[in-house]
Protein backbone atom coordinates (compact mmCIF):
# COMPACT_ATOMS: atom_id res chain seq x y z
CA UNK A 1 -14.48 -41.51 -47.74
CA UNK A 2 -11.41 -40.63 -49.36
CA UNK A 3 -10.90 -38.94 -52.80
CA UNK A 4 -8.14 -38.53 -54.70
CA UNK A 5 -7.39 -35.52 -57.02
CA UNK A 6 -5.29 -35.50 -60.11
CA UNK A 7 -4.64 -31.43 -60.36
CA UNK A 8 -2.70 -30.13 -63.49
CA UNK A 9 -0.22 -27.48 -63.74
CA UNK A 10 -3.67 -24.91 -64.32
CA UNK A 11 -5.02 -26.03 -61.88
CA UNK A 12 -7.79 -28.03 -63.14
CA UNK A 13 -8.68 -31.12 -61.74
CA UNK A 14 -8.16 -34.04 -64.96
CA UNK A 15 -8.50 -37.43 -63.01
CA UNK A 16 -10.71 -37.94 -59.90
CA UNK A 17 -10.49 -41.35 -57.84
CA UNK A 18 -13.44 -42.04 -55.47
CA UNK A 19 -11.71 -44.89 -52.97
CA UNK A 20 -14.73 -46.70 -52.16
CA UNK A 21 -16.42 -49.82 -52.75
CA UNK A 22 -19.36 -48.01 -54.12
CA UNK A 23 -17.50 -45.20 -56.28
CA UNK A 24 -20.37 -45.85 -58.85
CA UNK A 25 -22.60 -44.66 -57.34
CA UNK A 26 -21.31 -41.29 -56.24
CA UNK A 27 -21.03 -39.75 -59.64
CA UNK A 28 -22.69 -36.53 -59.04
CA UNK A 29 -19.54 -36.02 -56.49
CA UNK A 30 -17.07 -36.71 -59.19
CA UNK A 31 -19.02 -34.16 -61.54
CA UNK A 32 -18.96 -31.70 -59.15
CA UNK A 33 -14.47 -31.95 -58.24
CA UNK A 34 -14.35 -32.02 -62.42
CA UNK A 35 -15.82 -28.26 -62.22
CA UNK A 36 -13.63 -27.41 -59.45
CA UNK A 37 -10.50 -25.56 -59.73
CA UNK A 38 -7.95 -25.49 -57.35
CA UNK A 39 -4.33 -24.24 -57.16
CA UNK A 40 -1.61 -25.89 -58.65
CA UNK A 41 1.39 -27.39 -57.03
CA UNK A 42 4.86 -25.45 -56.18
CA UNK A 43 8.39 -26.71 -56.51
CA UNK A 44 11.37 -24.43 -57.38
CA UNK A 45 8.73 -21.18 -58.22
CA UNK A 46 7.00 -23.05 -60.61
CA UNK A 47 3.43 -24.73 -61.17
CA UNK A 48 3.68 -28.54 -61.44
CA UNK A 49 1.16 -31.32 -61.48
CA UNK A 50 0.22 -33.13 -58.03
CA UNK A 51 -2.39 -35.54 -56.25
CA UNK A 52 -4.53 -34.29 -53.85
CA UNK A 53 -6.34 -37.14 -51.43
CA UNK A 54 -8.97 -35.48 -48.91
CA UNK A 55 -10.80 -36.84 -47.07
CA UNK A 56 -14.91 -36.21 -47.36
CA UNK A 57 -17.58 -36.56 -44.79
CA UNK A 58 -20.67 -38.48 -46.22
CA UNK A 59 -23.44 -36.76 -43.76
CA UNK A 60 -21.82 -33.32 -45.02
CA UNK A 61 -21.88 -33.80 -48.30
CA UNK A 62 -25.49 -35.36 -48.53
CA UNK A 63 -26.50 -31.71 -47.02
CA UNK A 64 -24.90 -30.27 -49.85
CA UNK A 65 -25.80 -32.40 -52.81
């Protein structure tokens, strides 16, 4: 399953888009990412907001949720 995260200039996740037909069933995954901090994107030695798209293996995810 693919997940898109909008990460602000402070590294906080501001938006989570779960790219699946049954996205509503993955609320725990959404909450997990909303609480996760990332290093922000960088451009010209400055922090910038950015989108990060990742692939999540469902079987691995079920082991940790």
